[in-house]
Amino acid sequence: MARTRRSEIEDKLDRFRDFIRERGLKSTRQRDDIARWFFSAKGHHNADEIYRQVKSESPGIGFSTVYRTMRLLREAGLVQERHFGDSEALYENVSAHHDHCICTECGKIIEFENEQIEALQEAVARKFGFELRSHKMELYGTCSSCASRKR
C-alpha cells in the first residue's frame, strides 16, 4: 500500500520529536506547528516566509521560535539550509538528490535531476582519484519569464 503524504509528514514529525527528546528539550505545539507546515510545503522558504505562514494559523508564535526550530530541524537532518549566491538562508525538505537552476532576476528556483550530469560528475571524481560523498550543482541565469520580459 502506498504511503500517503500525511503519513510521511507524521513520520517526519515523530522523528523530529524523538530528536528533541534526545536533546533533552521540550516538544511544544509551536515547534510542531512550524515543522508540520514546513513538511507539507513545497519548494524553498526563508525564515520570514515560514514565520508569516505559520503565524497566520498560530498567532502567538514568535520569529525567534521559527528560527530556532528551523535550526533544530536542520540538525535533525530533516531540513537542508541552502544559500544560493548571496541570498539569505533558504530551507528545503530533505529529499532525493537534485540540482538547481536559479534565476538571478526574480529569484525563481527550479529543481532538476539529470542522470547524465550525475554520471559525468562521478567520472570526473574517479579521474582524480576522488571519493565523492556529495555535491551541489547550482546553475545561475535568467528564467524564461524574465528573459521574455526583457525582449
N, C-alpha and C. Protein backbone atom coordinates (compact mmCIF):
# COMPACT_ATOMS: atom_id res chain seq x y z
N MET A 1 0.84 -1.19 0.00
CA MET A 1 0.00 0.00 0.00
C MET A 1 0.88 1.25 0.00
N ALA A 2 0.57 2.20 -0.84
CA ALA A 2 1.36 3.44 -0.93
C ALA A 2 1.14 4.29 0.31
N ARG A 3 2.21 4.91 0.74
CA ARG A 3 2.11 5.80 1.90
C ARG A 3 1.51 7.11 1.47
N THR A 4 0.66 7.66 2.30
CA THR A 4 0.04 8.94 1.98
C THR A 4 0.96 10.07 2.39
N ARG A 5 0.73 11.23 1.79
CA ARG A 5 1.51 12.42 2.13
C ARG A 5 1.40 12.71 3.62
N ARG A 6 0.22 12.55 4.20
CA ARG A 6 0.01 12.81 5.62
C ARG A 6 0.88 11.90 6.47
N SER A 7 0.98 10.63 6.13
CA SER A 7 1.78 9.73 6.96
C SER A 7 3.26 10.08 6.87
N GLU A 8 3.72 10.53 5.70
CA GLU A 8 5.11 10.96 5.57
C GLU A 8 5.38 12.17 6.48
N ILE A 9 4.43 13.09 6.51
CA ILE A 9 4.56 14.26 7.38
C ILE A 9 4.58 13.83 8.84
N GLU A 10 3.68 12.94 9.22
CA GLU A 10 3.63 12.47 10.60
C GLU A 10 4.90 11.70 10.96
N ASP A 11 5.43 10.91 10.01
CA ASP A 11 6.69 10.19 10.26
C ASP A 11 7.82 11.18 10.54
N LYS A 12 7.91 12.24 9.74
CA LYS A 12 8.94 13.25 9.96
C LYS A 12 8.74 13.96 11.29
N LEU A 13 7.47 14.25 11.63
CA LEU A 13 7.19 14.88 12.93
C LEU A 13 7.63 13.98 14.07
N ASP A 14 7.36 12.69 13.96
CA ASP A 14 7.79 11.75 15.01
C ASP A 14 9.31 11.73 15.13
N ARG A 15 10.01 11.72 14.00
CA ARG A 15 11.48 11.75 14.02
C ARG A 15 11.98 13.04 14.67
N PHE A 16 11.32 14.16 14.38
CA PHE A 16 11.70 15.44 14.98
C PHE A 16 11.47 15.41 16.49
N ARG A 17 10.32 14.89 16.91
CA ARG A 17 10.02 14.82 18.34
C ARG A 17 11.03 13.93 19.07
N ASP A 18 11.41 12.82 18.44
CA ASP A 18 12.43 11.94 19.04
C ASP A 18 13.75 12.70 19.18
N PHE A 19 14.13 13.44 18.15
CA PHE A 19 15.37 14.23 18.20
C PHE A 19 15.31 15.25 19.33
N ILE A 20 14.19 15.92 19.47
CA ILE A 20 14.00 16.92 20.53
C ILE A 20 14.17 16.27 21.90
N ARG A 21 13.51 15.12 22.09
CA ARG A 21 13.61 14.40 23.38
C ARG A 21 15.04 13.98 23.67
N GLU A 22 15.74 13.46 22.65
CA GLU A 22 17.13 13.02 22.83
C GLU A 22 18.03 14.17 23.25
N ARG A 23 17.69 15.37 22.83
CA ARG A 23 18.48 16.56 23.20
C ARG A 23 18.07 17.12 24.55
N GLY A 24 17.05 16.52 25.19
CA GLY A 24 16.59 16.99 26.49
C GLY A 24 15.74 18.24 26.39
N LEU A 25 15.16 18.49 25.22
CA LEU A 25 14.31 19.66 25.02
C LEU A 25 12.84 19.26 25.06
N LYS A 26 11.98 20.25 25.19
CA LYS A 26 10.55 20.00 25.22
C LYS A 26 9.97 20.01 23.81
N SER A 27 9.06 19.10 23.58
CA SER A 27 8.30 19.11 22.34
C SER A 27 7.11 20.04 22.58
N THR A 28 7.01 21.10 21.79
CA THR A 28 5.95 22.09 22.00
C THR A 28 5.02 22.15 20.80
N ARG A 29 3.84 22.67 21.03
CA ARG A 29 2.86 22.84 19.95
C ARG A 29 3.41 23.79 18.89
N GLN A 30 4.11 24.83 19.31
CA GLN A 30 4.66 25.79 18.34
C GLN A 30 5.68 25.12 17.44
N ARG A 31 6.57 24.32 18.01
CA ARG A 31 7.56 23.60 17.19
C ARG A 31 6.86 22.65 16.23
N ASP A 32 5.83 21.96 16.74
CA ASP A 32 5.07 21.05 15.88
C ASP A 32 4.38 21.80 14.75
N ASP A 33 3.81 22.96 15.05
CA ASP A 33 3.12 23.76 14.02
C ASP A 33 4.09 24.18 12.92
N ILE A 34 5.28 24.61 13.32
CA ILE A 34 6.30 25.04 12.35
C ILE A 34 6.74 23.85 11.50
N ALA A 35 7.07 22.75 12.15
CA ALA A 35 7.54 21.56 11.44
C ALA A 35 6.45 21.02 10.52
N ARG A 36 5.22 20.94 11.00
CA ARG A 36 4.12 20.41 10.19
C ARG A 36 3.92 21.28 8.94
N TRP A 37 3.92 22.61 9.11
CA TRP A 37 3.75 23.48 7.94
C TRP A 37 4.90 23.25 6.96
N PHE A 38 6.11 23.21 7.49
CA PHE A 38 7.26 23.09 6.60
C PHE A 38 7.27 21.75 5.87
N PHE A 39 6.97 20.67 6.58
CA PHE A 39 6.98 19.35 5.94
C PHE A 39 5.92 19.24 4.85
N SER A 40 4.85 20.01 4.96
CA SER A 40 3.81 19.95 3.93
C SER A 40 4.05 20.95 2.79
N ALA A 41 5.01 21.85 2.97
CA ALA A 41 5.30 22.88 1.97
C ALA A 41 6.21 22.33 0.88
N LYS A 42 6.09 22.89 -0.28
CA LYS A 42 6.97 22.56 -1.41
C LYS A 42 7.94 23.72 -1.60
N GLY A 43 9.08 23.43 -2.17
CA GLY A 43 10.00 24.50 -2.56
C GLY A 43 10.95 24.93 -1.47
N HIS A 44 11.43 26.16 -1.63
CA HIS A 44 12.45 26.75 -0.76
C HIS A 44 11.85 27.96 -0.06
N HIS A 45 12.07 28.06 1.25
CA HIS A 45 11.44 29.13 2.04
C HIS A 45 12.45 29.74 3.00
N ASN A 46 12.39 31.07 3.15
CA ASN A 46 13.23 31.73 4.14
C ASN A 46 12.49 31.78 5.48
N ALA A 47 13.20 32.12 6.53
CA ALA A 47 12.61 32.12 7.88
C ALA A 47 11.45 33.10 7.98
N ASP A 48 11.54 34.24 7.32
CA ASP A 48 10.46 35.23 7.39
C ASP A 48 9.18 34.69 6.75
N GLU A 49 9.31 34.04 5.63
CA GLU A 49 8.14 33.45 4.96
C GLU A 49 7.50 32.36 5.83
N ILE A 50 8.34 31.52 6.42
CA ILE A 50 7.83 30.47 7.30
C ILE A 50 7.10 31.10 8.48
N TYR A 51 7.70 32.12 9.05
CA TYR A 51 7.09 32.84 10.17
C TYR A 51 5.71 33.38 9.79
N ARG A 52 5.62 34.07 8.66
CA ARG A 52 4.34 34.65 8.23
C ARG A 52 3.27 33.57 8.01
N GLN A 53 3.67 32.48 7.37
CA GLN A 53 2.71 31.41 7.08
C GLN A 53 2.21 30.75 8.37
N VAL A 54 3.13 30.42 9.27
CA VAL A 54 2.74 29.72 10.50
C VAL A 54 1.99 30.67 11.43
N LYS A 55 2.40 31.94 11.47
CA LYS A 55 1.74 32.92 12.35
C LYS A 55 0.28 33.12 11.96
N SER A 56 -0.04 32.99 10.68
CA SER A 56 -1.42 33.17 10.25
C SER A 56 -2.34 32.11 10.86
N GLU A 57 -1.79 30.96 11.19
CA GLU A 57 -2.58 29.89 11.81
C GLU A 57 -2.31 29.76 13.31
N SER A 58 -1.17 30.23 13.77
CA SER A 58 -0.78 30.17 15.19
C SER A 58 -0.29 31.56 15.59
N PRO A 59 -1.22 32.49 15.88
CA PRO A 59 -0.85 33.90 16.09
C PRO A 59 0.17 34.15 17.20
N GLY A 60 0.29 33.27 18.18
CA GLY A 60 1.20 33.52 19.29
C GLY A 60 2.65 33.19 19.00
N ILE A 61 2.95 32.73 17.81
CA ILE A 61 4.30 32.28 17.50
C ILE A 61 5.24 33.46 17.28
N GLY A 62 6.49 33.33 17.70
CA GLY A 62 7.48 34.38 17.52
C GLY A 62 8.50 34.01 16.47
N PHE A 63 9.12 35.03 15.88
CA PHE A 63 10.11 34.79 14.83
C PHE A 63 11.28 33.98 15.37
N SER A 64 11.71 34.26 16.58
CA SER A 64 12.86 33.53 17.12
C SER A 64 12.54 32.05 17.30
N THR A 65 11.29 31.72 17.58
CA THR A 65 10.88 30.32 17.69
C THR A 65 11.00 29.64 16.33
N VAL A 66 10.60 30.33 15.28
CA VAL A 66 10.73 29.79 13.92
C VAL A 66 12.21 29.57 13.61
N TYR A 67 13.03 30.55 13.87
CA TYR A 67 14.45 30.45 13.57
C TYR A 67 15.09 29.28 14.33
N ARG A 68 14.82 29.18 15.62
CA ARG A 68 15.40 28.09 16.43
C ARG A 68 14.87 26.72 15.99
N THR A 69 13.60 26.66 15.64
CA THR A 69 13.02 25.39 15.20
C THR A 69 13.63 24.94 13.88
N MET A 70 13.85 25.88 12.96
CA MET A 70 14.47 25.53 11.69
C MET A 70 15.89 25.03 11.91
N ARG A 71 16.59 25.63 12.87
CA ARG A 71 17.95 25.16 13.20
C ARG A 71 17.89 23.73 13.73
N LEU A 72 16.93 23.44 14.60
CA LEU A 72 16.78 22.09 15.14
C LEU A 72 16.41 21.09 14.05
N LEU A 73 15.52 21.48 13.14
CA LEU A 73 15.14 20.60 12.03
C LEU A 73 16.35 20.29 11.15
N ARG A 74 17.19 21.30 10.96
CA ARG A 74 18.42 21.10 10.17
C ARG A 74 19.36 20.15 10.90
N GLU A 75 19.55 20.37 12.20
CA GLU A 75 20.42 19.50 12.99
C GLU A 75 19.91 18.06 13.04
N ALA A 76 18.58 17.91 12.96
CA ALA A 76 17.97 16.58 12.97
C ALA A 76 18.10 15.88 11.61
N GLY A 77 18.58 16.60 10.61
CA GLY A 77 18.74 16.03 9.28
C GLY A 77 17.46 15.97 8.47
N LEU A 78 16.46 16.74 8.88
CA LEU A 78 15.16 16.72 8.20
C LEU A 78 14.99 17.89 7.23
N VAL A 79 15.85 18.88 7.35
CA VAL A 79 15.77 20.10 6.55
C VAL A 79 17.18 20.46 6.10
N GLN A 80 17.30 20.97 4.89
CA GLN A 80 18.58 21.49 4.41
C GLN A 80 18.51 23.00 4.36
N GLU A 81 19.58 23.63 4.80
CA GLU A 81 19.71 25.08 4.68
C GLU A 81 20.56 25.35 3.45
N ARG A 82 20.05 26.17 2.56
CA ARG A 82 20.75 26.46 1.31
C ARG A 82 20.99 27.96 1.18
N HIS A 83 22.10 28.31 0.57
CA HIS A 83 22.43 29.70 0.24
C HIS A 83 22.74 29.72 -1.24
N PHE A 84 21.86 30.29 -2.04
CA PHE A 84 22.08 30.38 -3.47
C PHE A 84 22.69 31.74 -3.77
N GLY A 85 23.93 31.73 -4.22
CA GLY A 85 24.61 33.00 -4.47
C GLY A 85 24.76 33.76 -3.17
N ASP A 86 24.36 35.01 -3.18
CA ASP A 86 24.44 35.85 -1.98
C ASP A 86 23.13 35.90 -1.21
N SER A 87 22.22 34.97 -1.49
CA SER A 87 20.89 35.02 -0.88
C SER A 87 20.94 34.66 0.60
N GLU A 88 19.88 35.06 1.29
CA GLU A 88 19.72 34.66 2.67
C GLU A 88 19.47 33.15 2.72
N ALA A 89 19.48 32.60 3.91
CA ALA A 89 19.25 31.16 4.07
C ALA A 89 17.86 30.80 3.59
N LEU A 90 17.81 29.77 2.76
CA LEU A 90 16.54 29.19 2.33
C LEU A 90 16.53 27.74 2.82
N TYR A 91 15.37 27.28 3.21
CA TYR A 91 15.24 25.93 3.73
C TYR A 91 14.43 25.09 2.77
N GLU A 92 14.83 23.81 2.64
CA GLU A 92 14.06 22.87 1.83
C GLU A 92 14.03 21.53 2.54
N ASN A 93 12.96 20.79 2.30
CA ASN A 93 12.84 19.45 2.86
C ASN A 93 13.95 18.58 2.31
N VAL A 94 14.49 17.72 3.15
CA VAL A 94 15.48 16.75 2.70
C VAL A 94 14.75 15.76 1.82
N SER A 95 15.28 15.56 0.63
CA SER A 95 14.65 14.65 -0.32
C SER A 95 15.73 14.01 -1.16
N ALA A 96 15.31 13.32 -2.19
CA ALA A 96 16.27 12.72 -3.11
C ALA A 96 17.16 13.82 -3.68
N HIS A 97 18.37 13.44 -4.04
CA HIS A 97 19.32 14.42 -4.58
C HIS A 97 18.74 15.10 -5.81
N HIS A 98 18.95 16.38 -5.90
CA HIS A 98 18.57 17.15 -7.07
C HIS A 98 19.46 18.38 -7.15
N ASP A 99 19.46 19.01 -8.30
CA ASP A 99 20.25 20.21 -8.52
C ASP A 99 19.31 21.39 -8.77
N HIS A 100 19.88 22.58 -8.94
CA HIS A 100 19.06 23.79 -9.01
C HIS A 100 19.47 24.72 -10.15
N CYS A 101 18.47 25.31 -10.79
CA CYS A 101 18.65 26.46 -11.68
C CYS A 101 18.06 27.65 -10.94
N ILE A 102 18.81 28.74 -10.82
CA ILE A 102 18.38 29.90 -10.05
C ILE A 102 18.37 31.12 -10.96
N CYS A 103 17.21 31.79 -11.03
CA CYS A 103 17.11 33.00 -11.85
C CYS A 103 17.70 34.17 -11.06
N THR A 104 18.64 34.87 -11.66
CA THR A 104 19.29 36.00 -10.99
C THR A 104 18.45 37.26 -11.07
N GLU A 105 17.36 37.23 -11.82
CA GLU A 105 16.46 38.39 -11.92
C GLU A 105 15.36 38.32 -10.87
N CYS A 106 14.59 37.23 -10.86
CA CYS A 106 13.41 37.15 -9.98
C CYS A 106 13.61 36.20 -8.80
N GLY A 107 14.68 35.42 -8.82
CA GLY A 107 14.95 34.50 -7.72
C GLY A 107 14.26 33.14 -7.85
N LYS A 108 13.57 32.90 -8.94
CA LYS A 108 12.90 31.61 -9.15
C LYS A 108 13.92 30.49 -9.07
N ILE A 109 13.53 29.39 -8.42
CA ILE A 109 14.40 28.24 -8.28
C ILE A 109 13.71 27.04 -8.91
N ILE A 110 14.40 26.41 -9.83
CA ILE A 110 13.88 25.21 -10.50
C ILE A 110 14.76 24.04 -10.08
N GLU A 111 14.13 23.01 -9.54
CA GLU A 111 14.86 21.80 -9.17
C GLU A 111 14.86 20.86 -10.36
N PHE A 112 15.99 20.15 -10.57
CA PHE A 112 16.04 19.19 -11.65
C PHE A 112 16.96 18.04 -11.30
N GLU A 113 16.76 16.93 -12.00
CA GLU A 113 17.61 15.75 -11.90
C GLU A 113 18.04 15.39 -13.31
N ASN A 114 19.30 14.97 -13.45
CA ASN A 114 19.79 14.58 -14.76
C ASN A 114 20.84 13.48 -14.58
N GLU A 115 20.51 12.28 -15.03
CA GLU A 115 21.40 11.13 -14.84
C GLU A 115 22.73 11.31 -15.57
N GLN A 116 22.73 11.97 -16.72
CA GLN A 116 23.97 12.18 -17.47
C GLN A 116 24.93 13.08 -16.70
N ILE A 117 24.39 14.14 -16.10
CA ILE A 117 25.23 15.04 -15.30
C ILE A 117 25.79 14.29 -14.09
N GLU A 118 24.96 13.50 -13.44
CA GLU A 118 25.41 12.73 -12.28
C GLU A 118 26.54 11.79 -12.67
N ALA A 119 26.38 11.08 -13.79
CA ALA A 119 27.41 10.15 -14.25
C ALA A 119 28.71 10.89 -14.59
N LEU A 120 28.59 12.04 -15.21
CA LEU A 120 29.78 12.83 -15.57
C LEU A 120 30.52 13.30 -14.31
N GLN A 121 29.79 13.73 -13.31
CA GLN A 121 30.42 14.17 -12.06
C GLN A 121 31.15 13.01 -11.39
N GLU A 122 30.55 11.83 -11.40
CA GLU A 122 31.21 10.66 -10.82
C GLU A 122 32.47 10.30 -11.61
N ALA A 123 32.41 10.42 -12.94
CA ALA A 123 33.57 10.12 -13.78
C ALA A 123 34.71 11.11 -13.50
N VAL A 124 34.38 12.38 -13.34
CA VAL A 124 35.40 13.39 -13.02
C VAL A 124 36.05 13.06 -11.68
N ALA A 125 35.24 12.71 -10.69
CA ALA A 125 35.78 12.36 -9.36
C ALA A 125 36.72 11.15 -9.48
N ARG A 126 36.31 10.12 -10.21
CA ARG A 126 37.16 8.93 -10.39
C ARG A 126 38.48 9.29 -11.08
N LYS A 127 38.39 10.15 -12.09
CA LYS A 127 39.59 10.54 -12.85
C LYS A 127 40.66 11.12 -11.92
N PHE A 128 40.23 11.86 -10.92
CA PHE A 128 41.17 12.49 -9.99
C PHE A 128 41.37 11.68 -8.72
N GLY A 129 40.85 10.43 -8.70
CA GLY A 129 41.01 9.58 -7.52
C GLY A 129 40.29 10.14 -6.31
N PHE A 130 39.20 10.80 -6.56
CA PHE A 130 38.46 11.48 -5.51
C PHE A 130 37.25 10.65 -5.10
N GLU A 131 37.12 10.38 -3.82
CA GLU A 131 35.96 9.64 -3.32
C GLU A 131 34.82 10.63 -3.10
N LEU A 132 33.85 10.61 -3.99
CA LEU A 132 32.74 11.56 -3.98
C LEU A 132 31.74 11.18 -2.88
N ARG A 133 31.44 12.11 -2.00
CA ARG A 133 30.46 11.88 -0.93
C ARG A 133 29.18 12.66 -1.18
N SER A 134 29.31 13.84 -1.72
CA SER A 134 28.13 14.64 -2.04
C SER A 134 28.56 15.77 -2.96
N HIS A 135 27.59 16.45 -3.50
CA HIS A 135 27.88 17.63 -4.32
C HIS A 135 26.62 18.47 -4.43
N LYS A 136 26.81 19.71 -4.85
CA LYS A 136 25.70 20.63 -5.09
C LYS A 136 25.97 21.31 -6.43
N MET A 137 24.99 21.24 -7.31
CA MET A 137 25.13 21.94 -8.58
C MET A 137 24.08 23.05 -8.61
N GLU A 138 24.55 24.25 -8.85
CA GLU A 138 23.68 25.42 -8.95
C GLU A 138 24.01 26.15 -10.24
N LEU A 139 23.01 26.28 -11.09
CA LEU A 139 23.17 26.99 -12.35
C LEU A 139 22.45 28.33 -12.23
N TYR A 140 23.17 29.42 -12.50
CA TYR A 140 22.61 30.76 -12.38
C TYR A 140 22.39 31.36 -13.76
N GLY A 141 21.27 32.02 -13.94
CA GLY A 141 20.96 32.64 -15.22
C GLY A 141 19.62 33.34 -15.14
N THR A 142 18.98 33.46 -16.28
CA THR A 142 17.70 34.15 -16.37
C THR A 142 16.63 33.14 -16.79
N CYS A 143 15.53 33.08 -16.04
CA CYS A 143 14.44 32.17 -16.38
C CYS A 143 13.72 32.65 -17.64
N SER A 144 12.92 31.79 -18.23
CA SER A 144 12.24 32.13 -19.48
C SER A 144 11.29 33.32 -19.32
N SER A 145 10.62 33.44 -18.17
CA SER A 145 9.71 34.57 -17.94
C SER A 145 10.46 35.89 -17.93
N CYS A 146 11.57 35.95 -17.21
CA CYS A 146 12.36 37.19 -17.13
C CYS A 146 13.00 37.50 -18.48
N ALA A 147 13.47 36.48 -19.17
CA ALA A 147 14.08 36.68 -20.48
C ALA A 147 13.07 37.25 -21.47
N SER A 148 11.83 36.74 -21.45
CA SER A 148 10.83 37.24 -22.39
C SER A 148 10.41 38.67 -22.05
N ARG A 149 10.43 39.04 -20.78
CA ARG A 149 10.10 40.43 -20.39
C ARG A 149 11.15 41.40 -20.88
N LYS A 150 12.41 40.94 -20.97
CA LYS A 150 13.50 41.81 -21.42
C LYS A 150 13.46 42.04 -22.91
N ARG A 151 12.84 41.12 -23.65
CA ARG A 151 12.82 41.23 -25.11
C ARG A 151 11.86 42.27 -25.58
